[in-house]
Amino acid sequence: MEAEKLVLNLEIEHAKGDPELQQNVDDIEHVALNEGDGLGYDIKSIYFDEVIKRVKPFYIEVKSTIGGINSPFYLSANEKRVAEEKGKEYSETFAKYPSPSFPPTAETQTQVFGCFRPKYPP
């Protein structure tokens, strides 16, 4: 849950800094917290589609570990189905904690790997 909050805050800050997204910051939602954990993603975010010139939803499943970036993780059948359904508008985002303590201290900063935003045209 803490990794999800971290990624949620990063998404909000990203949107606040993007002129195309600023007016839609309130559309970013921690759905795993608000609606439960069965949707196949944790965060509903936003991005600006350059082709159609409008803001669209972007779905993020957050995975976290205290292991390395190559640590295995579990992907449920539902997460896989939703990833296939959402296609380019779905991202697995990985957060790595150098130690089991959270929140991270100055010595153990959390690293976020690979929030892969949709790019259009592909």
PDB file of N, CA and C in Angstrom:
ATOM      1  N   MET A   1       0.826  -1.194   0.000  1.00  0.00           N
ATOM      2  CA  MET A   1       0.000   0.000   0.000  1.00  0.00           C
ATOM      3  C   MET A   1       0.873   1.262   0.000  1.00  0.00           C
ATOM      4  N   GLU A   2       1.996   1.220   0.720  1.00  0.00           N
ATOM      5  CA  GLU A   2       2.869   2.396   0.762  1.00  0.00           C
ATOM      6  C   GLU A   2       3.472   2.678  -0.610  1.00  0.00           C
ATOM      7  N   ALA A   3       3.831   1.636  -1.348  1.00  0.00           N
ATOM      8  CA  ALA A   3       4.366   1.833  -2.696  1.00  0.00           C
ATOM      9  C   ALA A   3       3.311   2.455  -3.597  1.00  0.00           C
ATOM     10  N   GLU A   4       2.060   2.034  -3.439  1.00  0.00           N
ATOM     11  CA  GLU A   4       0.970   2.614  -4.225  1.00  0.00           C
ATOM     12  C   GLU A   4       0.822   4.099  -3.920  1.00  0.00           C
ATOM     13  N   LYS A   5       0.911   4.465  -2.646  1.00  0.00           N
ATOM     14  CA  LYS A   5       0.811   5.881  -2.264  1.00  0.00           C
ATOM     15  C   LYS A   5       1.960   6.682  -2.861  1.00  0.00           C
ATOM     16  N   LEU A   6       3.152   6.096  -2.857  1.00  0.00           N
ATOM     17  CA  LEU A   6       4.311   6.758  -3.447  1.00  0.00           C
ATOM     18  C   LEU A   6       4.085   7.016  -4.931  1.00  0.00           C
ATOM     19  N   VAL A   7       3.656   5.999  -5.661  1.00  0.00           N
ATOM     20  CA  VAL A   7       3.428   6.143  -7.102  1.00  0.00           C
ATOM     21  C   VAL A   7       2.274   7.108  -7.364  1.00  0.00           C
ATOM     22  N   LEU A   8       1.224   7.051  -6.556  1.00  0.00           N
ATOM     23  CA  LEU A   8       0.109   7.989  -6.687  1.00  0.00           C
ATOM     24  C   LEU A   8       0.608   9.424  -6.569  1.00  0.00           C
ATOM     25  N   ASN A   9       1.418   9.701  -5.556  1.00  0.00           N
ATOM     26  CA  ASN A   9       1.946  11.053  -5.372  1.00  0.00           C
ATOM     27  C   ASN A   9       2.839  11.476  -6.527  1.00  0.00           C
ATOM     28  N   LEU A  10       3.630  10.548  -7.069  1.00  0.00           N
ATOM     29  CA  LEU A  10       4.455  10.868  -8.237  1.00  0.00           C
ATOM     30  C   LEU A  10       3.586  11.205  -9.448  1.00  0.00           C
ATOM     31  N   GLU A  11       2.507  10.473  -9.634  1.00  0.00           N
ATOM     32  CA  GLU A  11       1.593  10.749 -10.745  1.00  0.00           C
ATOM     33  C   GLU A  11       0.930  12.119 -10.589  1.00  0.00           C
ATOM     34  N   ILE A  12       0.520  12.448  -9.380  1.00  0.00           N
ATOM     35  CA  ILE A  12      -0.105  13.753  -9.126  1.00  0.00           C
ATOM     36  C   ILE A  12       0.886  14.871  -9.400  1.00  0.00           C
ATOM     37  N   GLU A  13       2.112  14.730  -8.914  1.00  0.00           N
ATOM     38  CA  GLU A  13       3.130  15.760  -9.150  1.00  0.00           C
ATOM     39  C   GLU A  13       3.441  15.888 -10.638  1.00  0.00           C
ATOM     40  N   HIS A  14       3.505  14.764 -11.339  1.00  0.00           N
ATOM     41  CA  HIS A  14       3.739  14.800 -12.789  1.00  0.00           C
ATOM     42  C   HIS A  14       2.629  15.590 -13.488  1.00  0.00           C
ATOM     43  N   ALA A  15       1.388  15.302 -13.135  1.00  0.00           N
ATOM     44  CA  ALA A  15       0.248  15.977 -13.774  1.00  0.00           C
ATOM     45  C   ALA A  15       0.225  17.467 -13.446  1.00  0.00           C
ATOM     46  N   LYS A  16       0.553  17.819 -12.219  1.00  0.00           N
ATOM     47  CA  LYS A  16       0.575  19.236 -11.829  1.00  0.00           C
ATOM     48  C   LYS A  16       1.611  20.021 -12.626  1.00  0.00           C
ATOM     49  N   GLY A  17       2.686  19.346 -13.035  1.00  0.00           N
ATOM     50  CA  GLY A  17       3.744  20.006 -13.786  1.00  0.00           C
ATOM     51  C   GLY A  17       3.555  19.988 -15.290  1.00  0.00           C
ATOM     52  N   ASP A  18       2.505  19.388 -15.770  1.00  0.00           N
ATOM     53  CA  ASP A  18       2.254  19.279 -17.210  1.00  0.00           C
ATOM     54  C   ASP A  18       1.060  20.154 -17.575  1.00  0.00           C
ATOM     55  N   PRO A  19       1.272  21.197 -18.386  1.00  0.00           N
ATOM     56  CA  PRO A  19       0.173  22.104 -18.730  1.00  0.00           C
ATOM     57  C   PRO A  19      -1.034  21.405 -19.356  1.00  0.00           C
ATOM     58  N   GLU A  20      -0.811  20.299 -20.047  1.00  0.00           N
ATOM     59  CA  GLU A  20      -1.912  19.575 -20.682  1.00  0.00           C
ATOM     60  C   GLU A  20      -2.746  18.787 -19.664  1.00  0.00           C
ATOM     61  N   LEU A  21      -2.172  18.514 -18.487  1.00  0.00           N
ATOM     62  CA  LEU A  21      -2.836  17.660 -17.500  1.00  0.00           C
ATOM     63  C   LEU A  21      -3.311  18.397 -16.253  1.00  0.00           C
ATOM     64  N   GLN A  22      -2.803  19.599 -16.026  1.00  0.00           N
ATOM     65  CA  GLN A  22      -3.049  20.313 -14.769  1.00  0.00           C
ATOM     66  C   GLN A  22      -4.521  20.404 -14.384  1.00  0.00           C
ATOM     67  N   GLN A  23      -5.384  20.644 -15.336  1.00  0.00           N
ATOM     68  CA  GLN A  23      -6.807  20.810 -15.022  1.00  0.00           C
ATOM     69  C   GLN A  23      -7.504  19.486 -14.711  1.00  0.00           C
ATOM     70  N   ASN A  24      -6.818  18.377 -14.913  1.00  0.00           N
ATOM     71  CA  ASN A  24      -7.426  17.064 -14.706  1.00  0.00           C
ATOM     72  C   ASN A  24      -6.784  16.276 -13.563  1.00  0.00           C
ATOM     73  N   VAL A  25      -6.013  16.947 -12.718  1.00  0.00           N
ATOM     74  CA  VAL A  25      -5.317  16.261 -11.623  1.00  0.00           C
ATOM     75  C   VAL A  25      -6.292  15.481 -10.752  1.00  0.00           C
ATOM     76  N   ASP A  26      -7.483  16.008 -10.543  1.00  0.00           N
ATOM     77  CA  ASP A  26      -8.465  15.326  -9.688  1.00  0.00           C
ATOM     78  C   ASP A  26      -8.962  14.005 -10.281  1.00  0.00           C
ATOM     79  N   ASP A  27      -8.661  13.741 -11.549  1.00  0.00           N
ATOM     80  CA  ASP A  27      -9.044  12.469 -12.167  1.00  0.00           C
ATOM     81  C   ASP A  27      -8.108  11.324 -11.769  1.00  0.00           C
ATOM     82  N   ILE A  28      -6.962  11.654 -11.169  1.00  0.00           N
ATOM     83  CA  ILE A  28      -6.023  10.628 -10.717  1.00  0.00           C
ATOM     84  C   ILE A  28      -6.567  10.034  -9.425  1.00  0.00           C
ATOM     85  N   GLU A  29      -6.653   8.711  -9.383  1.00  0.00           N
ATOM     86  CA  GLU A  29      -7.340   8.064  -8.269  1.00  0.00           C
ATOM     87  C   GLU A  29      -6.617   6.796  -7.814  1.00  0.00           C
ATOM     88  N   HIS A  30      -6.564   6.618  -6.516  1.00  0.00           N
ATOM     89  CA  HIS A  30      -6.015   5.394  -5.918  1.00  0.00           C
ATOM     90  C   HIS A  30      -7.161   4.386  -5.817  1.00  0.00           C
ATOM     91  N   VAL A  31      -7.458   3.716  -6.909  1.00  0.00           N
ATOM     92  CA  VAL A  31      -8.636   2.848  -6.967  1.00  0.00           C
ATOM     93  C   VAL A  31      -8.533   1.637  -6.050  1.00  0.00           C
ATOM     94  N   ALA A  32      -7.330   1.133  -5.824  1.00  0.00           N
ATOM     95  CA  ALA A  32      -7.180  -0.012  -4.924  1.00  0.00           C
ATOM     96  C   ALA A  32      -7.612   0.354  -3.510  1.00  0.00           C
ATOM     97  N   LEU A  33      -7.421   1.597  -3.122  1.00  0.00           N
ATOM     98  CA  LEU A  33      -7.839   2.066  -1.805  1.00  0.00           C
ATOM     99  C   LEU A  33      -9.327   2.385  -1.790  1.00  0.00           C
ATOM    100  N   ASN A  34      -9.806   3.052  -2.825  1.00  0.00           N
ATOM    101  CA  ASN A  34     -11.191   3.534  -2.856  1.00  0.00           C
ATOM    102  C   ASN A  34     -12.213   2.481  -3.267  1.00  0.00           C
ATOM    103  N   GLU A  35     -11.815   1.545  -4.144  1.00  0.00           N
ATOM    104  CA  GLU A  35     -12.774   0.574  -4.683  1.00  0.00           C
ATOM    105  C   GLU A  35     -12.406  -0.877  -4.400  1.00  0.00           C
ATOM    106  N   GLY A  36     -11.238  -1.103  -3.848  1.00  0.00           N
ATOM    107  CA  GLY A  36     -10.805  -2.465  -3.571  1.00  0.00           C
ATOM    108  C   GLY A  36      -9.727  -2.919  -4.527  1.00  0.00           C
ATOM    109  N   ASP A  37      -9.232  -4.108  -4.281  1.00  0.00           N
ATOM    110  CA  ASP A  37      -8.050  -4.596  -4.987  1.00  0.00           C
ATOM    111  C   ASP A  37      -8.365  -5.553  -6.133  1.00  0.00           C
ATOM    112  N   GLY A  38      -9.587  -5.595  -6.625  1.00  0.00           N
ATOM    113  CA  GLY A  38      -9.944  -6.568  -7.647  1.00  0.00           C
ATOM    114  C   GLY A  38     -10.058  -6.036  -9.058  1.00  0.00           C
ATOM    115  N   LEU A  39      -9.667  -4.788  -9.291  1.00  0.00           N
ATOM    116  CA  LEU A  39      -9.837  -4.198 -10.618  1.00  0.00           C
ATOM    117  C   LEU A  39      -8.728  -4.564 -11.600  1.00  0.00           C
ATOM    118  N   GLY A  40      -7.618  -5.100 -11.096  1.00  0.00           N
ATOM    119  CA  GLY A  40      -6.508  -5.445 -11.979  1.00  0.00           C
ATOM    120  C   GLY A  40      -5.499  -4.329 -12.126  1.00  0.00           C
ATOM    121  N   TYR A  41      -5.698  -3.225 -11.433  1.00  0.00           N
ATOM    122  CA  TYR A  41      -4.753  -2.112 -11.394  1.00  0.00           C
ATOM    123  C   TYR A  41      -4.984  -1.366 -10.087  1.00  0.00           C
ATOM    124  N   ASP A  42      -3.973  -0.600  -9.671  1.00  0.00           N
ATOM    125  CA  ASP A  42      -4.026   0.091  -8.382  1.00  0.00           C
ATOM    126  C   ASP A  42      -4.346   1.571  -8.504  1.00  0.00           C
ATOM    127  N   ILE A  43      -3.894   2.185  -9.587  1.00  0.00           N
ATOM    128  CA  ILE A  43      -4.031   3.632  -9.760  1.00  0.00           C
ATOM    129  C   ILE A  43      -4.590   3.924 -11.139  1.00  0.00           C
ATOM    130  N   LYS A  44      -5.573   4.790 -11.181  1.00  0.00           N
ATOM    131  CA  LYS A  44      -6.066   5.310 -12.458  1.00  0.00           C
ATOM    132  C   LYS A  44      -5.469   6.702 -12.590  1.00  0.00           C
ATOM    133  N   SER A  45      -4.589   6.862 -13.560  1.00  0.00           N
ATOM    134  CA  SER A  45      -3.924   8.138 -13.786  1.00  0.00           C
ATOM    135  C   SER A  45      -4.382   8.712 -15.125  1.00  0.00           C
ATOM    136  N   ILE A  46      -3.653   9.676 -15.621  1.00  0.00           N
ATOM    137  CA  ILE A  46      -4.014  10.338 -16.876  1.00  0.00           C
ATOM    138  C   ILE A  46      -2.764  10.625 -17.703  1.00  0.00           C
ATOM    139  N   TYR A  47      -2.958  10.754 -18.999  1.00  0.00           N
ATOM    140  CA  TYR A  47      -1.909  11.215 -19.898  1.00  0.00           C
ATOM    141  C   TYR A  47      -2.567  11.986 -21.030  1.00  0.00           C
ATOM    142  N   PHE A  48      -1.772  12.769 -21.755  1.00  0.00           N
ATOM    143  CA  PHE A  48      -2.285  13.541 -22.877  1.00  0.00           C
ATOM    144  C   PHE A  48      -1.961  12.804 -24.165  1.00  0.00           C
ATOM    145  N   ASP A  49      -2.984  12.423 -24.898  1.00  0.00           N
ATOM    146  CA  ASP A  49      -2.829  11.738 -26.177  1.00  0.00           C
ATOM    147  C   ASP A  49      -2.573  12.800 -27.241  1.00  0.00           C
ATOM    148  N   GLU A  50      -1.368  12.816 -27.769  1.00  0.00           N
ATOM    149  CA  GLU A  50      -0.961  13.832 -28.748  1.00  0.00           C
ATOM    150  C   GLU A  50      -1.708  13.712 -30.075  1.00  0.00           C
ATOM    151  N   VAL A  51      -2.178  12.523 -30.415  1.00  0.00           N
ATOM    152  CA  VAL A  51      -2.857  12.320 -31.692  1.00  0.00           C
ATOM    153  C   VAL A  51      -4.251  12.935 -31.670  1.00  0.00           C
ATOM    154  N   ILE A  52      -5.013  12.625 -30.642  1.00  0.00           N
ATOM    155  CA  ILE A  52      -6.388  13.131 -30.584  1.00  0.00           C
ATOM    156  C   ILE A  52      -6.519  14.394 -29.734  1.00  0.00           C
ATOM    157  N   LYS A  53      -5.389  14.834 -29.161  1.00  0.00           N
ATOM    158  CA  LYS A  53      -5.327  16.096 -28.408  1.00  0.00           C
ATOM    159  C   LYS A  53      -6.316  16.139 -27.250  1.00  0.00           C
ATOM    160  N   ARG A  54      -6.305  15.062 -26.442  1.00  0.00           N
ATOM    161  CA  ARG A  54      -7.141  15.077 -25.245  1.00  0.00           C
ATOM    162  C   ARG A  54      -6.547  14.190 -24.158  1.00  0.00           C
ATOM    163  N   VAL A  55      -6.991  14.426 -22.950  1.00  0.00           N
ATOM    164  CA  VAL A  55      -6.542  13.655 -21.795  1.00  0.00           C
ATOM    165  C   VAL A  55      -7.280  12.318 -21.768  1.00  0.00           C
ATOM    166  N   LYS A  56      -6.525  11.251 -21.532  1.00  0.00           N
ATOM    167  CA  LYS A  56      -7.101   9.904 -21.484  1.00  0.00           C
ATOM    168  C   LYS A  56      -6.650   9.200 -20.209  1.00  0.00           C
ATOM    169  N   PRO A  57      -7.373   8.167 -19.794  1.00  0.00           N
ATOM    170  CA  PRO A  57      -6.968   7.424 -18.599  1.00  0.00           C
ATOM    171  C   PRO A  57      -5.765   6.519 -18.863  1.00  0.00           C
ATOM    172  N   PHE A  58      -5.037   6.259 -17.811  1.00  0.00           N
ATOM    173  CA  PHE A  58      -3.828   5.448 -17.827  1.00  0.00           C
ATOM    174  C   PHE A  58      -3.867   4.604 -16.551  1.00  0.00           C
ATOM    175  N   TYR A  59      -3.729   3.303 -16.654  1.00  0.00           N
ATOM    176  CA  TYR A  59      -3.936   2.386 -15.535  1.00  0.00           C
ATOM    177  C   TYR A  59      -2.608   1.802 -15.065  1.00  0.00           C
ATOM    178  N   ILE A  60      -2.361   1.865 -13.755  1.00  0.00           N
ATOM    179  CA  ILE A  60      -1.069   1.453 -13.203  1.00  0.00           C
ATOM    180  C   ILE A  60      -1.259   0.358 -12.156  1.00  0.00           C
ATOM    181  N   GLU A  61      -0.557  -0.737 -12.335  1.00  0.00           N
ATOM    182  CA  GLU A  61      -0.456  -1.789 -11.321  1.00  0.00           C
ATOM    183  C   GLU A  61       0.909  -1.635 -10.665  1.00  0.00           C
ATOM    184  N   VAL A  62       0.939  -1.427  -9.358  1.00  0.00           N
ATOM    185  CA  VAL A  62       2.186  -1.193  -8.630  1.00  0.00           C
ATOM    186  C   VAL A  62       2.669  -2.505  -8.016  1.00  0.00           C
ATOM    187  N   LYS A  63       3.929  -2.814  -8.240  1.00  0.00           N
ATOM    188  CA  LYS A  63       4.586  -3.961  -7.614  1.00  0.00           C
ATOM    189  C   LYS A  63       5.765  -3.428  -6.815  1.00  0.00           C
ATOM    190  N   SER A  64       5.972  -3.949  -5.610  1.00  0.00           N
ATOM    191  CA  SER A  64       7.090  -3.472  -4.793  1.00  0.00           C
ATOM    192  C   SER A  64       7.874  -4.645  -4.230  1.00  0.00           C
ATOM    193  N   THR A  65       9.145  -4.376  -3.928  1.00  0.00           N
ATOM    194  CA  THR A  65      10.030  -5.409  -3.410  1.00  0.00           C
ATOM    195  C   THR A  65      11.153  -4.764  -2.618  1.00  0.00           C
ATOM    196  N   ILE A  66      11.757  -5.536  -1.732  1.00  0.00           N
ATOM    197  CA  ILE A  66      13.008  -5.096  -1.120  1.00  0.00           C
ATOM    198  C   ILE A  66      14.175  -5.766  -1.835  1.00  0.00           C
ATOM    199  N   GLY A  67      13.868  -6.579  -2.827  1.00  0.00           N
ATOM    200  CA  GLY A  67      14.888  -7.237  -3.637  1.00  0.00           C
ATOM    201  C   GLY A  67      15.300  -6.355  -4.804  1.00  0.00           C
ATOM    202  N   GLY A  68      16.048  -6.904  -5.713  1.00  0.00           N
ATOM    203  CA  GLY A  68      16.516  -6.164  -6.876  1.00  0.00           C
ATOM    204  C   GLY A  68      15.448  -6.029  -7.947  1.00  0.00           C
ATOM    205  N   ILE A  69      15.769  -5.279  -8.980  1.00  0.00           N
ATOM    206  CA  ILE A  69      14.836  -5.031 -10.070  1.00  0.00           C
ATOM    207  C   ILE A  69      14.468  -6.337 -10.773  1.00  0.00           C
ATOM    208  N   ASN A  70      15.309  -7.336 -10.690  1.00  0.00           N
ATOM    209  CA  ASN A  70      15.027  -8.618 -11.340  1.00  0.00           C
ATOM    210  C   ASN A  70      14.312  -9.609 -10.430  1.00  0.00           C
ATOM    211  N   SER A  71      13.888  -9.148  -9.252  1.00  0.00           N
ATOM    212  CA  SER A  71      13.148 -10.026  -8.339  1.00  0.00           C
ATOM    213  C   SER A  71      11.827 -10.427  -8.979  1.00  0.00           C
ATOM    214  N   PRO A  72      11.449 -11.694  -8.851  1.00  0.00           N
ATOM    215  CA  PRO A  72      10.163 -12.114  -9.416  1.00  0.00           C
ATOM    216  C   PRO A  72       8.995 -11.481  -8.664  1.00  0.00           C
ATOM    217  N   PHE A  73       7.887 -11.333  -9.335  1.00  0.00           N
ATOM    218  CA  PHE A  73       6.685 -10.808  -8.703  1.00  0.00           C
ATOM    219  C   PHE A  73       5.493 -11.591  -9.224  1.00  0.00           C
ATOM    220  N   TYR A  74       4.402 -11.515  -8.487  1.00  0.00           N
ATOM    221  CA  TYR A  74       3.192 -12.246  -8.839  1.00  0.00           C
ATOM    222  C   TYR A  74       2.276 -11.363  -9.672  1.00  0.00           C
ATOM    223  N   LEU A  75       1.817 -11.865 -10.790  1.00  0.00           N
ATOM    224  CA  LEU A  75       0.833 -11.197 -11.630  1.00  0.00           C
ATOM    225  C   LEU A  75      -0.390 -12.102 -11.675  1.00  0.00           C
ATOM    226  N   SER A  76      -1.489 -11.618 -11.122  1.00  0.00           N
ATOM    227  CA  SER A  76      -2.698 -12.446 -11.078  1.00  0.00           C
ATOM    228  C   SER A  76      -3.294 -12.601 -12.479  1.00  0.00           C
ATOM    229  N   ALA A  77      -4.152 -13.576 -12.628  1.00  0.00           N
ATOM    230  CA  ALA A  77      -4.843 -13.775 -13.904  1.00  0.00           C
ATOM    231  C   ALA A  77      -5.661 -12.540 -14.254  1.00  0.00           C
ATOM    232  N   ASN A  78      -6.265 -11.912 -13.260  1.00  0.00           N
ATOM    233  CA  ASN A  78      -7.048 -10.701 -13.497  1.00  0.00           C
ATOM    234  C   ASN A  78      -6.155  -9.545 -13.941  1.00  0.00           C
ATOM    235  N   GLU A  79      -4.997  -9.367 -13.291  1.00  0.00           N
ATOM    236  CA  GLU A  79      -4.063  -8.309 -13.705  1.00  0.00           C
ATOM    237  C   GLU A  79      -3.602  -8.535 -15.137  1.00  0.00           C
ATOM    238  N   LYS A  80      -3.327  -9.782 -15.493  1.00  0.00           N
ATOM    239  CA  LYS A  80      -2.913 -10.106 -16.865  1.00  0.00           C
ATOM    240  C   LYS A  80      -4.035  -9.790 -17.849  1.00  0.00           C
ATOM    241  N   ARG A  81      -5.254 -10.171 -17.509  1.00  0.00           N
ATOM    242  CA  ARG A  81      -6.397  -9.910 -18.387  1.00  0.00           C
ATOM    243  C   ARG A  81      -6.594  -8.413 -18.592  1.00  0.00           C
ATOM    244  N   VAL A  82      -6.520  -7.646 -17.510  1.00  0.00           N
ATOM    245  CA  VAL A  82      -6.713  -6.196 -17.604  1.00  0.00           C
ATOM    246  C   VAL A  82      -5.574  -5.564 -18.398  1.00  0.00           C
ATOM    247  N   ALA A  83      -4.348  -6.029 -18.196  1.00  0.00           N
ATOM    248  CA  ALA A  83      -3.210  -5.508 -18.961  1.00  0.00           C
ATOM    249  C   ALA A  83      -3.421  -5.734 -20.454  1.00  0.00           C
ATOM    250  N   GLU A  84      -3.884  -6.912 -20.819  1.00  0.00           N
ATOM    251  CA  GLU A  84      -4.141  -7.211 -22.232  1.00  0.00           C
ATOM    252  C   GLU A  84      -5.292  -6.369 -22.768  1.00  0.00           C
ATOM    253  N   GLU A  85      -6.315  -6.169 -21.953  1.00  0.00           N
ATOM    254  CA  GLU A  85      -7.482  -5.379 -22.359  1.00  0.00           C
ATOM    255  C   GLU A  85      -7.129  -3.899 -22.539  1.00  0.00           C
ATOM    256  N   LYS A  86      -6.351  -3.355 -21.610  1.00  0.00           N
ATOM    257  CA  LYS A  86      -6.004  -1.926 -21.647  1.00  0.00           C
ATOM    258  C   LYS A  86      -4.871  -1.639 -22.622  1.00  0.00           C
ATOM    259  N   GLY A  87      -4.049  -2.633 -22.916  1.00  0.00           N
ATOM    260  CA  GLY A  87      -2.965  -2.473 -23.874  1.00  0.00           C
ATOM    261  C   GLY A  87      -1.976  -1.391 -23.485  1.00  0.00           C
ATOM    262  N   LYS A  88      -1.777  -0.430 -24.372  1.00  0.00           N
ATOM    263  CA  LYS A  88      -0.789   0.626 -24.161  1.00  0.00           C
ATOM    264  C   LYS A  88      -1.159   1.582 -23.040  1.00  0.00           C
ATOM    265  N   GLU A  89      -2.378   1.493 -22.568  1.00  0.00           N
ATOM    266  CA  GLU A  89      -2.806   2.381 -21.490  1.00  0.00           C
ATOM    267  C   GLU A  89      -2.693   1.696 -20.123  1.00  0.00           C
ATOM    268  N   TYR A  90      -1.850   0.657 -20.032  1.00  0.00           N
ATOM    269  CA  TYR A  90      -1.654  -0.096 -18.792  1.00  0.00           C
ATOM    270  C   TYR A  90      -0.166  -0.161 -18.517  1.00  0.00           C
ATOM    271  N   SER A  91       0.220  -0.022 -17.249  1.00  0.00           N
ATOM    272  CA  SER A  91       1.631  -0.083 -16.893  1.00  0.00           C
ATOM    273  C   SER A  91       1.833  -0.884 -15.628  1.00  0.00           C
ATOM    274  N   GLU A  92       2.856  -1.711 -15.625  1.00  0.00           N
ATOM    275  CA  GLU A  92       3.354  -2.304 -14.387  1.00  0.00           C
ATOM    276  C   GLU A  92       4.428  -1.340 -13.896  1.00  0.00           C
ATOM    277  N   THR A  93       4.299  -0.865 -12.686  1.00  0.00           N
ATOM    278  CA  THR A  93       5.274   0.046 -12.106  1.00  0.00           C
ATOM    279  C   THR A  93       5.925  -0.654 -10.927  1.00  0.00           C
ATOM    280  N   PHE A  94       7.234  -0.616 -10.894  1.00  0.00           N
ATOM    281  CA  PHE A  94       7.980  -1.340  -9.877  1.00  0.00           C
ATOM    282  C   PHE A  94       8.640  -0.364  -8.914  1.00  0.00           C
ATOM    283  N   ALA A  95       8.424  -0.561  -7.619  1.00  0.00           N
ATOM    284  CA  ALA A  95       9.089   0.235  -6.592  1.00  0.00           C
ATOM    285  C   ALA A  95      10.011  -0.689  -5.812  1.00  0.00           C
ATOM    286  N   LYS A  96      11.257  -0.276  -5.635  1.00  0.00           N
ATOM    287  CA  LYS A  96      12.230  -1.088  -4.908  1.00  0.00           C
ATOM    288  C   LYS A  96      12.593  -0.376  -3.616  1.00  0.00           C
ATOM    289  N   TYR A  97      12.514  -1.104  -2.513  1.00  0.00           N
ATOM    290  CA  TYR A  97      12.908  -0.569  -1.220  1.00  0.00           C
ATOM    291  C   TYR A  97      14.235  -1.196  -0.828  1.00  0.00           C
ATOM    292  N   PRO A  98      15.267  -0.385  -0.590  1.00  0.00           N
ATOM    293  CA  PRO A  98      16.557  -0.944  -0.192  1.00  0.00           C
ATOM    294  C   PRO A  98      16.523  -1.636   1.167  1.00  0.00           C
ATOM    295  N   SER A  99      15.525  -1.326   1.989  1.00  0.00           N
ATOM    296  CA  SER A  99      15.399  -1.998   3.280  1.00  0.00           C
ATOM    297  C   SER A  99      13.920  -2.214   3.566  1.00  0.00           C
ATOM    298  N   PRO A 100      13.598  -3.109   4.494  1.00  0.00           N
ATOM    299  CA  PRO A 100      12.190  -3.349   4.815  1.00  0.00           C
ATOM    300  C   PRO A 100      11.507  -2.177   5.511  1.00  0.00           C
ATOM    301  N   SER A 101      12.283  -1.180   5.983  1.00  0.00           N
ATOM    302  CA  SER A 101      11.662  -0.060   6.696  1.00  0.00           C
ATOM    303  C   SER A 101      10.956   0.878   5.732  1.00  0.00           C
ATOM    304  N   PHE A 102       9.800   1.340   6.134  1.00  0.00           N
ATOM    305  CA  PHE A 102       9.059   2.305   5.324  1.00  0.00           C
ATOM    306  C   PHE A 102       8.322   3.221   6.275  1.00  0.00           C
ATOM    307  N   PRO A 103       8.283   4.520   6.084  1.00  0.00           N
ATOM    308  CA  PRO A 103       8.791   5.182   4.884  1.00  0.00           C
ATOM    309  C   PRO A 103      10.315   5.206   4.861  1.00  0.00           C
ATOM    310  N   PRO A 104      10.886   5.396   3.678  1.00  0.00           N
ATOM    311  CA  PRO A 104      12.337   5.374   3.574  1.00  0.00           C
ATOM    312  C   PRO A 104      12.950   6.565   4.294  1.00  0.00           C
ATOM    313  N   THR A 105      14.126   6.348   4.842  1.00  0.00           N
ATOM    314  CA  THR A 105      14.879   7.439   5.453  1.00  0.00           C
ATOM    315  C   THR A 105      15.778   8.037   4.386  1.00  0.00           C
ATOM    316  N   ALA A 106      16.527   9.066   4.753  1.00  0.00           N
ATOM    317  CA  ALA A 106      17.466   9.675   3.809  1.00  0.00           C
ATOM    318  C   ALA A 106      18.476   8.638   3.320  1.00  0.00           C
ATOM    319  N   GLU A 107      18.793   7.661   4.190  1.00  0.00           N
ATOM    320  CA  GLU A 107      19.770   6.639   3.816  1.00  0.00           C
ATOM    321  C   GLU A 107      19.156   5.527   2.964  1.00  0.00           C
ATOM    322  N   THR A 108      17.860   5.361   3.014  1.00  0.00           N
ATOM    323  CA  THR A 108      17.212   4.254   2.294  1.00  0.00           C
ATOM    324  C   THR A 108      16.102   4.777   1.392  1.00  0.00           C
ATOM    325  N   GLN A 109      16.455   5.626   0.478  1.00  0.00           N
ATOM    326  CA  GLN A 109      15.462   6.205  -0.422  1.00  0.00           C
ATOM    327  C   GLN A 109      14.847   5.137  -1.317  1.00  0.00           C
ATOM    328  N   THR A 110      13.572   5.267  -1.534  1.00  0.00           N
ATOM    329  CA  THR A 110      12.864   4.354  -2.427  1.00  0.00           C
ATOM    330  C   THR A 110      13.176   4.718  -3.872  1.00  0.00           C
ATOM    331  N   GLN A 111      13.359   3.713  -4.690  1.00  0.00           N
ATOM    332  CA  GLN A 111      13.552   3.925  -6.118  1.00  0.00           C
ATOM    333  C   GLN A 111      12.319   3.408  -6.842  1.00  0.00           C
ATOM    334  N   VAL A 112      11.850   4.181  -7.788  1.00  0.00           N
ATOM    335  CA  VAL A 112      10.730   3.732  -8.609  1.00  0.00           C
ATOM    336  C   VAL A 112      11.276   3.444  -9.999  1.00  0.00           C
ATOM    337  N   PHE A 113      11.026   2.240 -10.464  1.00  0.00           N
ATOM    338  CA  PHE A 113      11.490   1.823 -11.783  1.00  0.00           C
ATOM    339  C   PHE A 113      10.314   1.738 -12.731  1.00  0.00           C
ATOM    340  N   GLY A 114      10.437   2.304 -13.882  1.00  0.00           N
ATOM    341  CA  GLY A 114       9.579   2.010 -15.002  1.00  0.00           C
ATOM    342  C   GLY A 114       8.110   2.289 -14.867  1.00  0.00           C
ATOM    343  N   CYS A 115       7.727   3.544 -14.727  1.00  0.00           N
ATOM    344  CA  CYS A 115       6.324   3.887 -14.933  1.00  0.00           C
ATOM    345  C   CYS A 115       6.230   4.230 -16.414  1.00  0.00           C
ATOM    346  N   PHE A 116       5.839   3.256 -17.198  1.00  0.00           N
ATOM    347  CA  PHE A 116       5.882   3.398 -18.647  1.00  0.00           C
ATOM    348  C   PHE A 116       4.621   4.083 -19.142  1.00  0.00           C
ATOM    349  N   ARG A 117       4.738   5.351 -19.490  1.00  0.00           N
ATOM    350  CA  ARG A 117       3.595   6.131 -19.941  1.00  0.00           C
ATOM    351  C   ARG A 117       3.269   5.811 -21.395  1.00  0.00           C
ATOM    352  N   PRO A 118       1.996   5.851 -21.729  1.00  0.00           N
ATOM    353  CA  PRO A 118       1.609   5.630 -23.127  1.00  0.00           C
ATOM    354  C   PRO A 118       2.226   6.687 -24.042  1.00  0.00           C
ATOM    355  N   LYS A 119       2.638   6.274 -25.207  1.00  0.00           N
ATOM    356  CA  LYS A 119       3.194   7.191 -26.211  1.00  0.00           C
ATOM    357  C   LYS A 119       2.384   7.043 -27.486  1.00  0.00           C
ATOM    358  N   TYR A 120       1.891   8.141 -27.983  1.00  0.00           N
ATOM    359  CA  TYR A 120       1.148   8.115 -29.232  1.00  0.00           C
ATOM    360  C   TYR A 120       1.719   9.158 -30.161  1.00  0.00           C
ATOM    361  N   PRO A 121       1.931   8.885 -31.434  1.00  0.00           N
ATOM    362  CA  PRO A 121       1.670   7.590 -32.056  1.00  0.00           C
ATOM    363  C   PRO A 121       2.672   6.558 -31.563  1.00  0.00           C
ATOM    364  N   PRO A 122       2.308   5.272 -31.638  1.00  0.00           N
ATOM    365  CA  PRO A 122       3.164   4.202 -31.107  1.00  0.00           C
ATOM    366  C   PRO A 122       4.487   4.106 -31.840  1.00  0.00           C
TER     367      PRO A 122
END
